[in-house]
C-alpha atoms as a PDB file:
ATOM      1  CA  MET A   1     -73.439-345.537 -49.620  1.00  0.00           C
ATOM      2  CA  TYR A   2     -71.710-346.137 -52.738  1.00  0.00           C
ATOM      3  CA  ALA A   3     -73.498-349.751 -52.869  1.00  0.00           C
ATOM      4  CA  ARG A   4     -76.568-347.697 -52.538  1.00  0.00           C
ATOM      5  CA  PHE A   5     -75.686-345.639 -55.380  1.00  0.00           C
ATOM      6  CA  ILE A   6     -74.989-348.965 -57.747  1.00  0.00           C
ATOM      7  CA  THR A   7     -78.247-350.580 -56.812  1.00  0.00           C
ATOM      8  CA  THR A   8     -80.327-347.617 -57.618  1.00  0.00           C
ATOM      9  CA  THR A   9     -78.839-346.965 -61.062  1.00  0.00           C
ATOM     10  CA  LEU A  10     -78.529-350.447 -62.066  1.00  0.00           C
ATOM     11  CA  GLY A  11     -82.731-350.427 -61.219  1.00  0.00           C
ATOM     12  CA  LEU A  12     -83.101-347.173 -63.289  1.00  0.00           C
ATOM     13  CA  ALA A  13     -81.363-348.801 -66.348  1.00  0.00           C
ATOM     14  CA  LEU A  14     -82.963-352.017 -65.964  1.00  0.00           C
ATOM     15  CA  LEU A  15     -86.383-349.901 -65.847  1.00  0.00           C
ATOM     16  CA  ALA A  16     -85.644-348.432 -68.660  1.00  0.00           C
ATOM     17  CA  GLY A  17     -84.907-351.554 -70.972  1.00  0.00           C
ATOM     18  CA  PRO A  18     -83.290-351.938 -74.441  1.00  0.00           C
ATOM     19  CA  SER A  19     -84.702-350.277 -77.268  1.00  0.00           C
ATOM     20  CA  VAL A  20     -87.931-352.091 -78.873  1.00  0.00           C
ATOM     21  CA  ALA A  21     -88.083-351.893 -82.715  1.00  0.00           C
ATOM     22  CA  ALA A  22     -91.674-350.779 -83.521  1.00  0.00           C
ATOM     23  CA  THR A  23     -94.340-352.945 -84.969  1.00  0.00           C
ATOM     24  CA  ALA A  24     -95.607-353.016 -88.403  1.00  0.00           C
ATOM     25  CA  ASP A  25     -98.761-351.156 -87.082  1.00  0.00           C
ATOM     26  CA  GLU A  26     -96.754-348.399 -85.207  1.00  0.00           C
ATOM     27  CA  ILE A  27     -94.786-347.602 -88.338  1.00  0.00           C
ATOM     28  CA  THR A  28     -97.739-347.315 -90.397  1.00  0.00           C
ATOM     29  CA  GLN A  29     -99.297-345.104 -88.070  1.00  0.00           C
ATOM     30  CA  ALA A  30     -96.141-343.476 -87.700  1.00  0.00           C
ATOM     31  CA  LEU A  31     -94.802-342.786 -91.196  1.00  0.00           C
ATOM     32  CA  VAL A  32     -97.372-343.600 -93.738  1.00  0.00           C
ATOM     33  CA  GLY A  33     -98.860-339.790 -95.091  1.00  0.00           C
ATOM     34  CA  ASN A  34     -95.458-338.702 -93.279  1.00  0.00           C
ATOM     35  CA  THR A  35     -92.034-337.788 -94.032  1.00  0.00           C
ATOM     36  CA  PHE A  36     -88.678-338.781 -92.426  1.00  0.00           C
ATOM     37  CA  GLN A  37     -85.973-336.338 -92.380  1.00  0.00           C
ATOM     38  CA  GLY A  38     -82.813-337.087 -90.806  1.00  0.00           C
ATOM     39  CA  ASP A  39     -79.401-338.693 -91.867  1.00  0.00           C
ATOM     40  CA  MET A  40     -78.612-342.199 -93.359  1.00  0.00           C
ATOM     41  CA  GLY A  41     -75.444-343.710 -94.200  1.00  0.00           C
ATOM     42  CA  GLY A  42     -73.254-340.922 -93.098  1.00  0.00           C
ATOM     43  CA  GLY A  43     -75.431-337.976 -95.278  1.00  0.00           C
ATOM     44  CA  GLY A  44     -78.677-335.982 -94.937  1.00  0.00           C
ATOM     45  CA  TYR A  45     -81.615-338.240 -96.479  1.00  0.00           C
ATOM     46  CA  SER A  46     -85.673-337.531 -96.846  1.00  0.00           C
ATOM     47  CA  SER A  47     -87.915-339.318 -97.490  1.00  0.00           C
ATOM     48  CA  PHE A  48     -91.971-339.195 -97.891  1.00  0.00           C
ATOM     49  CA  PHE A  49     -93.954-342.301 -97.832  1.00  0.00           C
ATOM     50  CA  ALA A  50     -97.178-341.990 -99.295  1.00  0.00           C
ATOM     51  CA  GLU A  51    -100.443-344.082 -98.789  1.00  0.00           C
ATOM     52  CA  ASP A  52    -100.237-345.879-102.314  1.00  0.00           C
ATOM     53  CA  GLY A  53     -97.294-347.579-101.077  1.00  0.00           C
ATOM     54  CA  THR A  54     -94.450-345.293-102.936  1.00  0.00           C
ATOM     55  CA  TYR A  55     -91.603-343.573-101.184  1.00  0.00           C
ATOM     56  CA  HIS A  56     -90.563-340.177-102.581  1.00  0.00           C
ATOM     57  CA  ASP A  57     -87.019-339.070-102.257  1.00  0.00           C
ATOM     58  CA  ALA A  58     -84.638-336.739-103.812  1.00  0.00           C
ATOM     59  CA  SER A  59     -83.520-339.099-106.467  1.00  0.00           C
ATOM     60  CA  GLY A  60     -87.005-340.529-107.276  1.00  0.00           C
ATOM     61  CA  SER A  61     -89.302-342.473-105.952  1.00  0.00           C
ATOM     62  CA  GLY A  62     -90.281-346.358-105.994  1.00  0.00           C
ATOM     63  CA  PRO A  63     -92.335-348.933-104.098  1.00  0.00           C
ATOM     64  CA  TYR A  64     -92.460-349.665-100.166  1.00  0.00           C
ATOM     65  CA  GLU A  65     -93.926-352.077 -97.892  1.00  0.00           C
ATOM     66  CA  ILE A  66     -94.517-352.342 -94.130  1.00  0.00           C
ATOM     67  CA  THR A  67     -93.902-355.600 -92.943  1.00  0.00           C
ATOM     68  CA  GLU A  68     -93.230-357.339 -88.984  1.00  0.00           C
ATOM     69  CA  GLU A  69     -89.418-356.683 -90.607  1.00  0.00           C
ATOM     70  CA  GLY A  70     -90.076-352.888 -90.734  1.00  0.00           C
ATOM     71  CA  VAL A  71     -90.061-350.761 -93.753  1.00  0.00           C
ATOM     72  CA  CYS A  72     -88.915-353.104 -96.977  1.00  0.00           C
ATOM     73  CA  TYR A  73     -88.112-351.680-100.389  1.00  0.00           C
ATOM     74  CA  PRO A  74     -88.919-354.272-102.660  1.00  0.00           C
ATOM     75  CA  GLU A  75     -86.950-354.475-106.148  1.00  0.00           C
ATOM     76  CA  THR A  76     -84.120-352.792-104.721  1.00  0.00           C
ATOM     77  CA  GLU A  77     -80.590-353.577-102.606  1.00  0.00           C
ATOM     78  CA  TYR A  78     -81.905-351.522 -99.696  1.00  0.00           C
ATOM     79  CA  GLY A  79     -83.424-354.224 -98.348  1.00  0.00           C
ATOM     80  CA  CYS A  80     -85.691-353.632 -95.101  1.00  0.00           C
ATOM     81  CA  TYR A  81     -85.188-351.209 -91.931  1.00  0.00           C
ATOM     82  CA  GLN A  82     -86.504-351.746 -88.543  1.00  0.00           C
ATOM     83  CA  ALA A  83     -87.273-348.623 -86.661  1.00  0.00           C
ATOM     84  CA  GLU A  84     -87.421-347.428 -83.338  1.00  0.00           C
ATOM     85  CA  ILE A  85     -90.207-344.748 -82.855  1.00  0.00           C
ATOM     86  CA  ASP A  86     -90.210-342.497 -79.814  1.00  0.00           C
ATOM     87  CA  GLY A  87     -92.790-339.634 -80.633  1.00  0.00           C
ATOM     88  CA  SER A  88     -91.343-338.112 -83.711  1.00  0.00           C
ATOM     89  CA  SER A  89     -88.006-339.123 -83.183  1.00  0.00           C
ATOM     90  CA  LEU A  90     -86.973-342.376 -85.175  1.00  0.00           C
ATOM     91  CA  GLU A  91     -83.803-344.183 -85.463  1.00  0.00           C
ATOM     92  CA  TRP A  92     -83.884-346.796 -88.490  1.00  0.00           C
ATOM     93  CA  MET A  93     -81.786-350.128 -87.448  1.00  0.00           C
ATOM     94  CA  GLN A  94     -80.407-352.741 -89.823  1.00  0.00           C
ATOM     95  CA  GLY A  95     -78.792-355.929 -88.896  1.00  0.00           C
ATOM     96  CA  GLY A  96     -78.921-354.474 -84.991  1.00  0.00           C
ATOM     97  CA  GLU A  97     -77.245-351.935 -85.579  1.00  0.00           C
ATOM     98  CA  SER A  98     -77.953-348.152 -86.120  1.00  0.00           C
ATOM     99  CA  ALA A  99     -78.576-347.330 -89.743  1.00  0.00           C
ATOM    100  CA  GLY A 100     -79.839-343.425 -89.355  1.00  0.00           C
ATOM    101  CA  THR A 101     -81.578-341.109 -87.141  1.00  0.00           C
ATOM    102  CA  GLY A 102     -83.843-338.322 -87.796  1.00  0.00           C
ATOM    103  CA  GLU A 103     -87.606-336.606 -87.326  1.00  0.00           C
ATOM    104  CA  ILE A 104     -90.907-337.331 -88.985  1.00  0.00           C
ATOM    105  CA  LEU A 105     -92.313-334.603 -90.217  1.00  0.00           C
ATOM    106  CA  GLU A 106     -96.013-334.116 -90.684  1.00  0.00           C
ATOM    107  CA  GLY A 107     -97.575-334.470 -94.351  1.00  0.00           C
ATOM    108  CA  ASP A 108     -95.245-334.209 -97.142  1.00  0.00           C
ATOM    109  CA  ALA A 109     -93.322-331.416 -95.541  1.00  0.00           C
ATOM    110  CA  LEU A 110     -90.607-330.854 -98.247  1.00  0.00           C
ATOM    111  CA  ASP A 111     -93.005-331.724-100.991  1.00  0.00           C
ATOM    112  CA  LEU A 112     -90.921-334.601-102.264  1.00  0.00           C
ATOM    113  CA  ALA A 113     -93.605-336.395-104.289  1.00  0.00           C
ATOM    114  CA  GLY A 114     -93.808-333.112-106.128  1.00  0.00           C
ATOM    115  CA  ASN A 115     -90.433-333.667-107.824  1.00  0.00           C
END
């Protein structure tokens, strides 16, 4: 009985598999024209990803690029973040570790581009 439980549990874990970073196309489809709201670096963070390649957050705006490396912030020290997307949930990854989690909101839900 115990061996059957272990085998079943191991089989389910293998089926679930490791999380896989989203492709550039998947990130583009999920984020461009939408808002991320969640936690980054231990604090609340929200950002609207405009279709013109500009992000808008509470502290200002700047360019972003979506590449196979993830969402990249040129001309900043932030570098690139990979994204794991499940429906409207998003987890940012950097250097193989979680850098933040949150939700994707439709459109400029928090009026960040108006700032």
